[in-house]
Amino acid sequence: MSPSERREMIRKENTRLSLTRQCKLLKISRSSIYYTPVGFDPVPLDLMHEIDPLPGS
């Protein structure tokens, strides 16, 4: 079972098992359940490539 599948098994509203205990049982880090991915903005990357082009470009 992948870590993302195990993260989906966490129940934050579960009062019988704490989040810490659920994470230990599923062998995932507790911080991973709070992580939310940040969106990607291509504009700064384009500007960086204009300022400092890759070698051979």
N, C-alpha and C. Protein backbone atom coordinates (compact mmCIF):
# COMPACT_ATOMS: atom_id res chain seq x y z
N MET A 1 0.85 -1.18 0.00
CA MET A 1 0.00 0.00 0.00
C MET A 1 0.89 1.24 0.00
N SER A 2 0.59 2.20 -0.86
CA SER A 2 1.42 3.40 -0.98
C SER A 2 1.16 4.36 0.17
N PRO A 3 2.12 5.27 0.44
CA PRO A 3 1.92 6.25 1.51
C PRO A 3 0.67 7.11 1.29
N SER A 4 0.39 7.46 0.04
CA SER A 4 -0.80 8.29 -0.21
C SER A 4 -2.08 7.52 0.12
N GLU A 5 -2.09 6.23 -0.15
CA GLU A 5 -3.25 5.41 0.20
C GLU A 5 -3.41 5.31 1.72
N ARG A 6 -2.27 5.20 2.41
CA ARG A 6 -2.33 5.14 3.87
C ARG A 6 -2.79 6.47 4.46
N ARG A 7 -2.34 7.60 3.85
CA ARG A 7 -2.79 8.92 4.33
C ARG A 7 -4.29 9.07 4.20
N GLU A 8 -4.86 8.52 3.13
CA GLU A 8 -6.31 8.61 2.94
C GLU A 8 -7.09 7.84 4.00
N MET A 9 -6.44 6.91 4.66
CA MET A 9 -7.11 6.12 5.69
C MET A 9 -7.23 6.87 7.02
N ILE A 10 -6.50 7.97 7.19
CA ILE A 10 -6.55 8.75 8.42
C ILE A 10 -7.92 9.37 8.57
N ARG A 11 -8.48 9.28 9.77
CA ARG A 11 -9.77 9.89 10.09
C ARG A 11 -9.54 10.92 11.18
N LYS A 12 -9.55 12.19 10.79
CA LYS A 12 -9.30 13.27 11.76
C LYS A 12 -10.41 13.39 12.79
N GLU A 13 -11.61 13.00 12.42
CA GLU A 13 -12.74 13.13 13.35
C GLU A 13 -12.86 11.93 14.28
N ASN A 14 -12.02 10.93 14.13
CA ASN A 14 -12.07 9.73 14.96
C ASN A 14 -11.65 10.08 16.39
N THR A 15 -12.54 9.88 17.34
CA THR A 15 -12.22 10.23 18.73
C THR A 15 -11.64 9.05 19.49
N ARG A 16 -11.73 7.85 18.95
CA ARG A 16 -11.21 6.68 19.64
C ARG A 16 -9.70 6.55 19.49
N LEU A 17 -9.18 6.98 18.34
CA LEU A 17 -7.73 6.92 18.10
C LEU A 17 -7.22 8.32 17.79
N SER A 18 -6.19 8.75 18.48
CA SER A 18 -5.61 10.05 18.20
C SER A 18 -4.93 10.03 16.83
N LEU A 19 -4.69 11.21 16.28
CA LEU A 19 -3.99 11.30 14.99
C LEU A 19 -2.59 10.71 15.10
N THR A 20 -1.94 10.94 16.23
CA THR A 20 -0.61 10.39 16.43
C THR A 20 -0.63 8.87 16.39
N ARG A 21 -1.60 8.28 17.05
CA ARG A 21 -1.70 6.82 17.08
C ARG A 21 -2.04 6.26 15.69
N GLN A 22 -2.95 6.92 14.98
CA GLN A 22 -3.30 6.47 13.64
C GLN A 22 -2.08 6.49 12.72
N CYS A 23 -1.30 7.56 12.81
CA CYS A 23 -0.09 7.68 11.98
C CYS A 23 0.92 6.60 12.33
N LYS A 24 1.09 6.32 13.60
CA LYS A 24 2.02 5.27 14.00
C LYS A 24 1.57 3.92 13.47
N LEU A 25 0.27 3.63 13.56
CA LEU A 25 -0.24 2.35 13.09
C LEU A 25 -0.09 2.21 11.58
N LEU A 26 -0.26 3.33 10.86
CA LEU A 26 -0.16 3.30 9.40
C LEU A 26 1.26 3.53 8.90
N LYS A 27 2.17 3.81 9.83
CA LYS A 27 3.59 4.05 9.51
C LYS A 27 3.77 5.19 8.51
N ILE A 28 3.15 6.33 8.84
CA ILE A 28 3.35 7.55 8.07
C ILE A 28 3.70 8.67 9.05
N SER A 29 4.37 9.70 8.58
CA SER A 29 4.72 10.80 9.46
C SER A 29 3.48 11.67 9.70
N ARG A 30 3.38 12.17 10.91
CA ARG A 30 2.21 12.96 11.27
C ARG A 30 2.15 14.26 10.46
N SER A 31 3.31 14.83 10.15
CA SER A 31 3.33 16.08 9.39
C SER A 31 2.77 15.89 7.98
N SER A 32 2.86 14.69 7.44
CA SER A 32 2.37 14.46 6.08
C SER A 32 0.86 14.59 5.96
N ILE A 33 0.14 14.43 7.07
CA ILE A 33 -1.32 14.56 6.97
C ILE A 33 -1.76 16.02 6.94
N TYR A 34 -0.87 16.93 7.34
CA TYR A 34 -1.19 18.35 7.32
C TYR A 34 -0.71 19.05 6.05
N TYR A 35 0.13 18.40 5.27
CA TYR A 35 0.72 19.00 4.08
C TYR A 35 -0.32 19.18 2.98
N THR A 36 -0.36 20.38 2.41
CA THR A 36 -1.19 20.63 1.23
C THR A 36 -0.28 21.13 0.12
N PRO A 37 -0.31 20.51 -1.04
CA PRO A 37 0.57 20.91 -2.14
C PRO A 37 0.32 22.36 -2.57
N VAL A 38 1.39 23.02 -2.95
CA VAL A 38 1.32 24.39 -3.42
C VAL A 38 1.24 24.37 -4.93
N GLY A 39 0.39 25.22 -5.48
CA GLY A 39 0.26 25.30 -6.93
C GLY A 39 1.54 25.79 -7.60
N PHE A 40 1.70 25.51 -8.86
CA PHE A 40 2.90 25.87 -9.62
C PHE A 40 2.59 27.07 -10.49
N ASP A 41 3.41 28.12 -10.40
CA ASP A 41 3.27 29.31 -11.21
C ASP A 41 4.45 29.37 -12.19
N PRO A 42 4.20 29.19 -13.50
CA PRO A 42 5.30 29.13 -14.46
C PRO A 42 5.97 30.48 -14.74
N VAL A 43 5.32 31.60 -14.38
CA VAL A 43 5.88 32.92 -14.70
C VAL A 43 7.25 33.14 -14.06
N PRO A 44 7.44 32.90 -12.76
CA PRO A 44 8.78 33.09 -12.19
C PRO A 44 9.84 32.19 -12.83
N LEU A 45 9.45 30.98 -13.20
CA LEU A 45 10.40 30.08 -13.85
C LEU A 45 10.82 30.62 -15.21
N ASP A 46 9.87 31.15 -15.97
CA ASP A 46 10.19 31.77 -17.26
C ASP A 46 11.14 32.95 -17.08
N LEU A 47 10.89 33.77 -16.07
CA LEU A 47 11.76 34.92 -15.80
C LEU A 47 13.17 34.46 -15.42
N MET A 48 13.26 33.42 -14.61
CA MET A 48 14.59 32.91 -14.23
C MET A 48 15.35 32.41 -15.46
N HIS A 49 14.65 31.76 -16.38
CA HIS A 49 15.32 31.27 -17.60
C HIS A 49 15.76 32.43 -18.49
N GLU A 50 15.03 33.53 -18.50
CA GLU A 50 15.44 34.71 -19.28
C GLU A 50 16.68 35.36 -18.65
N ILE A 51 16.72 35.41 -17.33
CA ILE A 51 17.84 36.03 -16.63
C ILE A 51 19.09 35.17 -16.74
N ASP A 52 18.95 33.87 -16.52
CA ASP A 52 20.08 32.96 -16.49
C ASP A 52 19.76 31.75 -17.37
N PRO A 53 19.98 31.85 -18.68
CA PRO A 53 19.64 30.72 -19.56
C PRO A 53 20.52 29.50 -19.28
N LEU A 54 19.99 28.34 -19.56
CA LEU A 54 20.73 27.09 -19.37
C LEU A 54 21.89 27.04 -20.36
N PRO A 55 23.01 26.41 -19.98
CA PRO A 55 24.14 26.28 -20.91
C PRO A 55 23.73 25.53 -22.16
N GLY A 56 24.15 26.01 -23.30
CA GLY A 56 23.83 25.38 -24.59
C GLY A 56 22.50 25.81 -25.15
N SER A 57 21.80 26.74 -24.46
CA SER A 57 20.50 27.20 -24.95
C SER A 57 20.66 28.41 -25.84
